[in-house]
Amino acid sequence: MPLVHIVMAEGRSKEQKAKLARRLTDDMVDILGISEEAVHIAFHELPRENFTWRGLLLTEKPK
């Protein structure tokens, strides 16, 4: 049972996460030769202030 953990900043839509989960599942089935029932994916969404980019919090990142 593969379990994929995806850690990302919050803010993606339910539709975006569903699309990503579908593609990852399809690729794992194809590459690993497993059933899609065996694939588990967990999204861990954290506040943007908990991520940094080039030494800046994402909430401080210039646009």
N, C-alpha and C. Protein backbone atom coordinates (compact mmCIF):
# COMPACT_ATOMS: atom_id res chain seq x y z
N MET A 1 0.83 -1.17 0.00
CA MET A 1 0.00 0.00 0.00
C MET A 1 0.88 1.24 0.00
N PRO A 2 1.13 1.83 -1.15
CA PRO A 2 1.88 3.08 -1.17
C PRO A 2 1.06 4.21 -0.53
N LEU A 3 1.72 5.00 0.27
CA LEU A 3 1.09 6.17 0.88
C LEU A 3 1.95 7.38 0.53
N VAL A 4 1.38 8.31 -0.20
CA VAL A 4 2.09 9.51 -0.61
C VAL A 4 1.64 10.66 0.28
N HIS A 5 2.61 11.35 0.89
CA HIS A 5 2.32 12.53 1.70
C HIS A 5 2.72 13.75 0.89
N ILE A 6 1.80 14.66 0.72
CA ILE A 6 2.07 15.90 0.01
C ILE A 6 1.93 17.04 1.00
N VAL A 7 3.01 17.75 1.22
CA VAL A 7 3.00 18.91 2.12
C VAL A 7 3.05 20.15 1.25
N MET A 8 2.08 21.03 1.44
CA MET A 8 2.05 22.24 0.63
C MET A 8 1.36 23.36 1.40
N ALA A 9 1.61 24.58 0.94
CA ALA A 9 0.94 25.72 1.54
C ALA A 9 -0.55 25.65 1.23
N GLU A 10 -1.34 26.10 2.15
CA GLU A 10 -2.78 26.09 1.96
C GLU A 10 -3.17 27.03 0.83
N GLY A 11 -4.35 26.79 0.28
CA GLY A 11 -4.87 27.70 -0.72
C GLY A 11 -5.27 27.04 -2.03
N ARG A 12 -4.96 25.75 -2.21
CA ARG A 12 -5.40 25.09 -3.44
C ARG A 12 -6.85 24.67 -3.30
N SER A 13 -7.55 24.63 -4.41
CA SER A 13 -8.97 24.27 -4.39
C SER A 13 -9.14 22.76 -4.27
N LYS A 14 -10.33 22.36 -3.90
CA LYS A 14 -10.69 20.94 -3.83
C LYS A 14 -10.50 20.30 -5.21
N GLU A 15 -10.87 21.03 -6.26
CA GLU A 15 -10.74 20.52 -7.62
C GLU A 15 -9.28 20.29 -8.00
N GLN A 16 -8.40 21.21 -7.62
CA GLN A 16 -6.98 21.05 -7.91
C GLN A 16 -6.41 19.82 -7.21
N LYS A 17 -6.77 19.64 -5.94
CA LYS A 17 -6.27 18.48 -5.20
C LYS A 17 -6.81 17.18 -5.78
N ALA A 18 -8.07 17.18 -6.20
CA ALA A 18 -8.65 15.98 -6.81
C ALA A 18 -7.94 15.65 -8.12
N LYS A 19 -7.65 16.65 -8.93
CA LYS A 19 -6.95 16.43 -10.20
C LYS A 19 -5.55 15.89 -9.96
N LEU A 20 -4.85 16.45 -8.99
CA LEU A 20 -3.51 15.96 -8.66
C LEU A 20 -3.57 14.52 -8.16
N ALA A 21 -4.51 14.22 -7.29
CA ALA A 21 -4.66 12.86 -6.76
C ALA A 21 -4.95 11.87 -7.89
N ARG A 22 -5.80 12.25 -8.82
CA ARG A 22 -6.13 11.36 -9.95
C ARG A 22 -4.88 11.06 -10.80
N ARG A 23 -4.13 12.10 -11.12
CA ARG A 23 -2.93 11.90 -11.95
C ARG A 23 -1.86 11.08 -11.23
N LEU A 24 -1.64 11.38 -9.95
CA LEU A 24 -0.66 10.60 -9.20
C LEU A 24 -1.08 9.14 -9.10
N THR A 25 -2.35 8.92 -8.84
CA THR A 25 -2.86 7.55 -8.76
C THR A 25 -2.66 6.82 -10.08
N ASP A 26 -3.05 7.46 -11.18
CA ASP A 26 -2.90 6.84 -12.49
C ASP A 26 -1.44 6.50 -12.79
N ASP A 27 -0.53 7.42 -12.47
CA ASP A 27 0.89 7.17 -12.72
C ASP A 27 1.43 6.04 -11.84
N MET A 28 1.01 5.99 -10.58
CA MET A 28 1.49 4.92 -9.70
C MET A 28 0.98 3.56 -10.18
N VAL A 29 -0.27 3.52 -10.62
CA VAL A 29 -0.82 2.27 -11.15
C VAL A 29 -0.01 1.83 -12.37
N ASP A 30 0.26 2.76 -13.26
CA ASP A 30 1.00 2.47 -14.49
C ASP A 30 2.45 2.07 -14.21
N ILE A 31 3.14 2.84 -13.38
CA ILE A 31 4.57 2.61 -13.14
C ILE A 31 4.83 1.44 -12.20
N LEU A 32 4.04 1.35 -11.13
CA LEU A 32 4.28 0.32 -10.12
C LEU A 32 3.52 -0.98 -10.37
N GLY A 33 2.55 -0.93 -11.28
CA GLY A 33 1.78 -2.13 -11.57
C GLY A 33 0.89 -2.57 -10.42
N ILE A 34 0.31 -1.59 -9.72
CA ILE A 34 -0.57 -1.88 -8.59
C ILE A 34 -1.99 -1.45 -8.94
N SER A 35 -2.93 -1.84 -8.13
CA SER A 35 -4.31 -1.42 -8.35
C SER A 35 -4.50 -0.02 -7.75
N GLU A 36 -5.46 0.71 -8.30
CA GLU A 36 -5.69 2.05 -7.75
C GLU A 36 -6.23 1.99 -6.33
N GLU A 37 -6.83 0.87 -5.95
CA GLU A 37 -7.30 0.72 -4.58
C GLU A 37 -6.14 0.69 -3.58
N ALA A 38 -4.95 0.38 -4.05
CA ALA A 38 -3.78 0.31 -3.17
C ALA A 38 -3.15 1.67 -2.91
N VAL A 39 -3.50 2.66 -3.70
CA VAL A 39 -2.87 3.98 -3.61
C VAL A 39 -3.60 4.86 -2.61
N HIS A 40 -2.82 5.42 -1.68
CA HIS A 40 -3.37 6.36 -0.70
C HIS A 40 -2.54 7.65 -0.78
N ILE A 41 -3.22 8.77 -0.74
CA ILE A 41 -2.56 10.07 -0.82
C ILE A 41 -3.09 10.94 0.31
N ALA A 42 -2.19 11.58 1.03
CA ALA A 42 -2.58 12.49 2.12
C ALA A 42 -2.05 13.88 1.83
N PHE A 43 -2.95 14.85 1.83
CA PHE A 43 -2.55 16.24 1.67
C PHE A 43 -2.41 16.87 3.05
N HIS A 44 -1.26 17.48 3.27
CA HIS A 44 -1.01 18.20 4.52
C HIS A 44 -0.85 19.67 4.13
N GLU A 45 -1.85 20.45 4.45
CA GLU A 45 -1.82 21.86 4.09
C GLU A 45 -1.47 22.69 5.33
N LEU A 46 -0.47 23.52 5.16
CA LEU A 46 -0.01 24.36 6.26
C LEU A 46 -0.21 25.83 5.91
N PRO A 47 -0.35 26.67 6.92
CA PRO A 47 -0.47 28.10 6.65
C PRO A 47 0.76 28.61 5.87
N ARG A 48 0.51 29.55 4.97
CA ARG A 48 1.59 30.09 4.14
C ARG A 48 2.70 30.69 5.00
N GLU A 49 2.37 31.16 6.19
CA GLU A 49 3.39 31.73 7.06
C GLU A 49 4.35 30.67 7.60
N ASN A 50 4.04 29.40 7.39
CA ASN A 50 4.92 28.31 7.85
C ASN A 50 5.88 27.84 6.77
N PHE A 51 5.91 28.51 5.61
CA PHE A 51 6.82 28.17 4.52
C PHE A 51 7.71 29.38 4.24
N THR A 52 8.94 29.08 3.82
CA THR A 52 9.84 30.16 3.45
C THR A 52 10.34 29.98 2.02
N TRP A 53 10.74 31.06 1.42
CA TRP A 53 11.32 31.09 0.08
C TRP A 53 12.40 32.15 0.11
N ARG A 54 13.62 31.74 -0.17
CA ARG A 54 14.78 32.65 -0.19
C ARG A 54 14.89 33.44 1.12
N GLY A 55 14.61 32.78 2.22
CA GLY A 55 14.73 33.41 3.53
C GLY A 55 13.54 34.26 3.94
N LEU A 56 12.49 34.27 3.13
CA LEU A 56 11.30 35.06 3.45
C LEU A 56 10.11 34.13 3.67
N LEU A 57 9.25 34.48 4.61
CA LEU A 57 8.01 33.75 4.73
C LEU A 57 7.20 33.97 3.46
N LEU A 58 6.44 32.97 3.05
CA LEU A 58 5.63 33.14 1.84
C LEU A 58 4.67 34.32 1.97
N THR A 59 4.28 34.62 3.20
CA THR A 59 3.38 35.76 3.40
C THR A 59 4.11 37.09 3.19
N GLU A 60 5.46 37.07 3.14
CA GLU A 60 6.24 38.28 2.95
C GLU A 60 6.86 38.33 1.55
N LYS A 61 6.69 37.27 0.78
CA LYS A 61 7.29 37.16 -0.55
C LYS A 61 6.77 38.27 -1.47
N PRO A 62 7.67 38.97 -2.15
CA PRO A 62 7.19 40.00 -3.10
C PRO A 62 6.42 39.36 -4.24
N LYS A 63 5.42 40.05 -4.71
CA LYS A 63 4.58 39.49 -5.78
C LYS A 63 5.16 39.75 -7.14
